[in-house]
Amino acid sequence: MVTRLDIEYDGARFAGWARQPGERTVQEELERALATVLRVESVPLTVAGRTDRGVHAWGQVASYAHEAVDPWSLNGVLEDDVAVLASTAMPAAFDARHDALSRTYCYRVHNSRQRSVWWRHRALWWSRPLDRGTLDACAAKLLGRHDFTAFTPTDTTHTRFERNVHAAEWRQEADLLEFWITADTFARHMNRILVGTMLEVAGGRRSVDGFAALLDGASRSRAARTAPAHGLALASVTYGDRS
């Protein structure tokens, strides 16, 4: 039997999803809770998207080979910065990572002269003016298949840098900007480097054409700095009909 977990977490106090010696991680917290509730020694989890230190999620998905449990029981032994939203029995072949068709991320930017206490752990504060039309033009350039070598660290385990972007757009409500992107998979730090570079374009430091040229496999040194992790969240994971 296989179970799917739908999960949300505040990444501020986590060293990311994956287990790391001496660090508090989402995987470790959830596997500990599952082992406690199921009364077994260990329950290894497979995750749809391995988020980095400080990155949030409100639509993470994981799977494990054991019976489903009541989310209320799991949440009772979890700390308050991670919660299981649903626990669903799935077909035996279901795998949260390999069966995922796409993932959607959201990066928030608080574009205001004044900082916000409310958004300080959820959005990047950007006090300089941004041209919204330029942001939209950059997002439009992302659609389709591109080589994102410029948007992932040089020191990487990736062997394939092409990604297929299904959707990309900027949304705005008052001073809060949100960059939404859906792709088959993502390279490490890809969304944060994209945001950091697009903000430079919208601030007049780069051109839209220059941004587009980076999508043809340019070197990492040609893109901008990586935007902070706290603005990013894994919003959802898409599966086929059986998932």
Protein backbone atom coordinates (compact mmCIF):
# COMPACT_ATOMS: atom_id res chain seq x y z
CA MET A 1 0.00 0.00 0.00
CA VAL A 2 1.09 3.57 -0.72
CA THR A 3 -0.12 6.80 0.86
CA ARG A 4 -0.02 10.34 -0.48
CA LEU A 5 0.47 13.23 1.95
CA ASP A 6 -0.45 16.81 1.08
CA ILE A 7 1.67 19.11 3.21
CA GLU A 8 2.30 22.76 4.02
CA TYR A 9 5.13 24.31 6.00
CA ASP A 10 6.80 27.54 6.99
CA GLY A 11 10.40 27.10 5.87
CA ALA A 12 11.90 29.77 8.14
CA ARG A 13 13.20 27.35 10.78
CA PHE A 14 13.94 24.43 8.44
CA ALA A 15 17.22 23.64 6.67
CA GLY A 16 15.14 22.54 3.69
CA TRP A 17 13.22 19.38 2.90
CA ALA A 18 15.95 16.72 2.78
CA ARG A 19 17.51 15.08 5.82
CA GLN A 20 20.87 16.61 6.81
CA PRO A 21 23.11 15.65 9.75
CA GLY A 22 22.64 18.01 12.66
CA GLU A 23 19.93 20.06 10.92
CA ARG A 24 16.19 20.35 11.40
CA THR A 25 14.45 19.37 8.14
CA VAL A 26 10.87 18.87 6.98
CA GLN A 27 11.57 15.28 5.94
CA GLU A 28 12.96 14.37 9.35
CA GLU A 29 10.05 15.95 11.20
CA LEU A 30 7.42 14.19 9.09
CA GLU A 31 9.16 10.80 9.13
CA ARG A 32 9.46 11.02 12.90
CA ALA A 33 5.74 11.84 13.23
CA LEU A 34 4.75 9.00 10.90
CA ALA A 35 6.89 6.49 12.77
CA THR A 36 5.30 7.62 16.05
CA VAL A 37 1.70 7.39 14.81
CA LEU A 38 2.19 4.14 12.87
CA ARG A 39 4.32 2.65 15.66
CA VAL A 40 7.07 1.50 13.32
CA GLU A 41 10.81 2.10 13.29
CA SER A 42 10.93 4.24 10.14
CA VAL A 43 8.75 5.51 7.30
CA PRO A 44 10.89 6.82 4.39
CA LEU A 45 9.23 9.58 2.38
CA THR A 46 9.50 10.37 -1.33
CA VAL A 47 8.82 14.04 -2.08
CA ALA A 48 7.61 15.86 -5.19
CA GLY A 49 9.93 18.86 -4.78
CA ARG A 50 13.01 19.12 -2.55
CA THR A 51 12.76 22.67 -1.26
CA ASP A 52 15.87 24.51 0.00
CA ARG A 53 16.57 26.13 3.35
CA GLY A 54 14.01 28.83 4.12
CA VAL A 55 11.64 27.99 1.24
CA HIS A 56 7.97 27.54 2.16
CA ALA A 57 5.26 25.24 0.78
CA TRP A 58 1.49 25.19 0.82
CA GLY A 59 1.15 22.47 -1.84
CA GLN A 60 3.93 19.97 -1.20
CA VAL A 61 3.26 16.27 -1.87
CA ALA A 62 5.05 13.22 -0.48
CA SER A 63 4.42 9.48 -0.55
CA TYR A 64 5.34 6.49 1.58
CA ALA A 65 4.80 2.72 1.53
CA HIS A 66 2.40 2.20 4.43
CA GLU A 67 -1.23 2.71 5.39
CA ALA A 68 -2.85 6.14 5.46
CA VAL A 69 -3.28 7.85 8.80
CA ASP A 70 -5.56 10.58 10.10
CA PRO A 71 -3.88 14.00 9.51
CA TRP A 72 -5.21 15.07 12.91
CA SER A 73 -3.05 12.39 14.56
CA LEU A 74 0.05 13.45 12.63
CA ASN A 75 -0.47 17.14 13.32
CA GLY A 76 -0.79 16.34 17.00
CA VAL A 77 2.87 15.29 17.13
CA LEU A 78 4.22 17.84 14.64
CA GLU A 79 5.43 21.31 15.57
CA ASP A 80 3.30 24.25 14.47
CA ASP A 81 5.36 25.22 11.40
CA VAL A 82 4.48 22.07 9.43
CA ALA A 83 1.07 20.48 8.86
CA VAL A 84 -0.39 17.54 6.95
CA LEU A 85 -3.48 18.65 5.03
CA ALA A 86 -4.53 15.27 3.67
CA SER A 87 -3.53 11.60 3.82
CA THR A 88 -4.83 9.53 0.91
CA ALA A 89 -4.48 5.83 0.03
CA MET A 90 -3.10 5.53 -3.51
CA PRO A 91 -2.43 2.79 -6.10
CA ALA A 92 0.63 0.73 -5.17
CA ALA A 93 2.71 2.18 -8.01
CA PHE A 94 2.20 5.84 -7.02
CA ASP A 95 5.41 7.84 -6.51
CA ALA A 96 5.13 11.50 -5.46
CA ARG A 97 8.26 12.50 -7.36
CA HIS A 98 8.30 10.43 -10.53
CA ASP A 99 4.54 10.61 -11.19
CA ALA A 100 4.44 14.41 -10.97
CA LEU A 101 3.68 16.06 -14.32
CA SER A 102 4.54 19.58 -13.19
CA ARG A 103 5.25 21.78 -10.18
CA THR A 104 4.12 25.35 -9.56
CA TYR A 105 6.05 27.87 -7.46
CA CYS A 106 5.17 31.36 -6.29
CA TYR A 107 7.72 34.07 -5.41
CA ARG A 108 6.45 37.15 -3.58
CA VAL A 109 7.96 40.63 -3.78
CA HIS A 110 6.78 43.46 -1.53
CA ASN A 111 7.45 46.49 -3.72
CA SER A 112 7.08 49.47 -1.40
CA ARG A 113 9.09 52.36 -0.02
CA GLN A 114 8.14 51.15 3.46
CA ARG A 115 8.99 47.73 4.84
CA SER A 116 6.22 45.46 6.11
CA VAL A 117 6.27 43.58 9.37
CA TRP A 118 3.50 41.37 8.01
CA TRP A 119 5.46 40.24 4.93
CA ARG A 120 8.97 40.17 6.39
CA HIS A 121 9.16 36.33 6.38
CA ARG A 122 6.98 35.78 3.29
CA ALA A 123 8.13 38.25 0.64
CA LEU A 124 11.28 40.00 -0.55
CA TRP A 125 11.11 43.69 0.33
CA TRP A 126 12.08 45.71 -2.77
CA SER A 127 11.93 49.45 -2.17
CA ARG A 128 13.07 50.61 -5.63
CA PRO A 129 10.61 51.26 -8.51
CA LEU A 130 9.79 48.35 -10.85
CA ASP A 131 8.29 48.51 -14.31
CA ARG A 132 5.39 46.08 -14.34
CA GLY A 133 5.26 45.83 -18.13
CA THR A 134 8.91 44.78 -18.20
CA LEU A 135 8.25 42.05 -15.66
CA ASP A 136 5.41 40.76 -17.83
CA ALA A 137 7.65 40.79 -20.90
CA CYS A 138 10.31 38.75 -19.08
CA ALA A 139 7.75 36.21 -17.92
CA ALA A 140 6.49 35.78 -21.49
CA LYS A 141 10.02 34.92 -22.64
CA LEU A 142 10.10 31.94 -20.27
CA LEU A 143 7.35 29.93 -21.94
CA GLY A 144 8.49 26.80 -23.72
CA ARG A 145 11.70 24.80 -23.52
CA HIS A 146 14.93 26.60 -22.60
CA ASP A 147 18.42 25.95 -21.26
CA PHE A 148 18.56 27.33 -17.69
CA THR A 149 22.31 26.93 -17.11
CA ALA A 150 22.50 30.66 -16.23
CA PHE A 151 19.88 30.16 -13.52
CA THR A 152 21.42 27.43 -11.39
CA PRO A 153 24.69 27.35 -9.39
CA THR A 154 27.84 26.47 -11.32
CA ASP A 155 28.69 23.83 -8.72
CA THR A 156 25.80 21.46 -9.35
CA THR A 157 24.85 17.82 -9.73
CA HIS A 158 22.55 18.63 -12.64
CA THR A 159 23.47 16.98 -15.93
CA ARG A 160 20.49 18.34 -17.88
CA PHE A 161 19.70 22.05 -17.83
CA GLU A 162 16.74 22.19 -20.20
CA ARG A 163 13.35 22.71 -18.58
CA ASN A 164 9.89 23.01 -20.12
CA VAL A 165 7.99 25.99 -18.71
CA HIS A 166 4.21 25.56 -19.06
CA ALA A 167 3.14 28.88 -17.53
CA ALA A 168 4.82 32.01 -16.15
CA GLU A 169 3.25 35.29 -15.07
CA TRP A 170 3.46 38.17 -12.63
CA ARG A 171 0.39 39.03 -10.60
CA GLN A 172 -0.13 42.09 -8.45
CA GLU A 173 -2.37 43.19 -5.61
CA ALA A 174 -1.52 46.64 -4.26
CA ASP A 175 2.19 46.58 -3.33
CA LEU A 176 2.51 42.80 -3.43
CA LEU A 177 3.88 41.23 -6.62
CA GLU A 178 3.79 37.47 -7.17
CA PHE A 179 5.75 35.57 -9.78
CA TRP A 180 4.00 32.29 -10.63
CA ILE A 181 5.78 29.64 -12.69
CA THR A 182 4.85 26.08 -13.68
CA ALA A 183 7.34 23.67 -15.25
CA ASP A 184 7.98 19.97 -15.60
CA THR A 185 10.93 20.17 -13.18
CA PHE A 186 13.17 22.91 -11.78
CA ALA A 187 16.92 23.31 -11.45
CA ARG A 188 18.33 24.21 -8.02
CA HIS A 189 17.79 27.92 -7.20
CA MET A 190 16.27 28.39 -10.67
CA ASN A 191 13.24 30.41 -9.57
CA ARG A 192 15.20 32.61 -7.18
CA ILE A 193 17.83 33.48 -9.80
CA LEU A 194 15.09 34.15 -12.35
CA VAL A 195 13.40 36.55 -9.94
CA GLY A 196 16.67 38.27 -9.05
CA THR A 197 17.43 38.80 -12.75
CA MET A 198 13.92 39.95 -13.68
CA LEU A 199 14.00 42.52 -10.89
CA GLU A 200 17.17 43.96 -12.40
CA VAL A 201 15.48 44.15 -15.80
CA ALA A 202 12.40 45.85 -14.32
CA GLY A 203 14.68 48.26 -12.48
CA GLY A 204 16.38 49.36 -15.69
CA ARG A 205 19.72 47.63 -15.15
CA ARG A 206 19.21 45.04 -17.91
CA SER A 207 17.16 44.72 -21.10
CA VAL A 208 14.41 42.24 -21.88
CA ASP A 209 16.39 41.03 -24.88
CA GLY A 210 19.42 40.52 -22.66
CA PHE A 211 17.29 38.48 -20.28
CA ALA A 212 15.99 36.35 -23.16
CA ALA A 213 19.54 35.69 -24.34
CA LEU A 214 20.33 34.06 -20.98
CA LEU A 215 17.81 31.31 -21.77
CA ASP A 216 20.07 29.81 -24.44
CA GLY A 217 22.53 28.22 -22.02
CA ALA A 218 24.51 31.27 -20.94
CA SER A 219 26.92 30.91 -18.02
CA ARG A 220 25.77 31.48 -14.44
CA SER A 221 27.96 34.59 -14.15
CA ARG A 222 25.79 36.45 -16.66
CA ALA A 223 22.60 36.28 -14.58
CA ALA A 224 21.87 38.24 -11.41
CA ARG A 225 22.28 37.32 -7.77
CA THR A 226 19.99 34.72 -6.21
CA ALA A 227 16.91 36.24 -4.57
CA PRO A 228 16.41 35.33 -0.89
CA ALA A 229 14.69 32.05 -0.08
CA HIS A 230 11.94 33.45 2.15
CA GLY A 231 9.97 34.84 -0.80
CA LEU A 232 9.55 31.44 -2.45
CA ALA A 233 6.88 28.79 -1.90
CA LEU A 234 5.98 25.52 -3.59
CA ALA A 235 2.34 26.16 -4.46
CA SER A 236 1.15 22.92 -6.07
CA VAL A 237 2.06 19.68 -7.81
CA THR A 238 0.09 18.28 -10.74
CA TYR A 239 -0.49 14.58 -11.40
CA GLY A 240 -2.39 12.52 -13.93
CA ASP A 241 -5.97 11.30 -13.50
CA ARG A 242 -5.05 8.38 -11.25
CA SER A 243 -3.14 10.56 -8.82
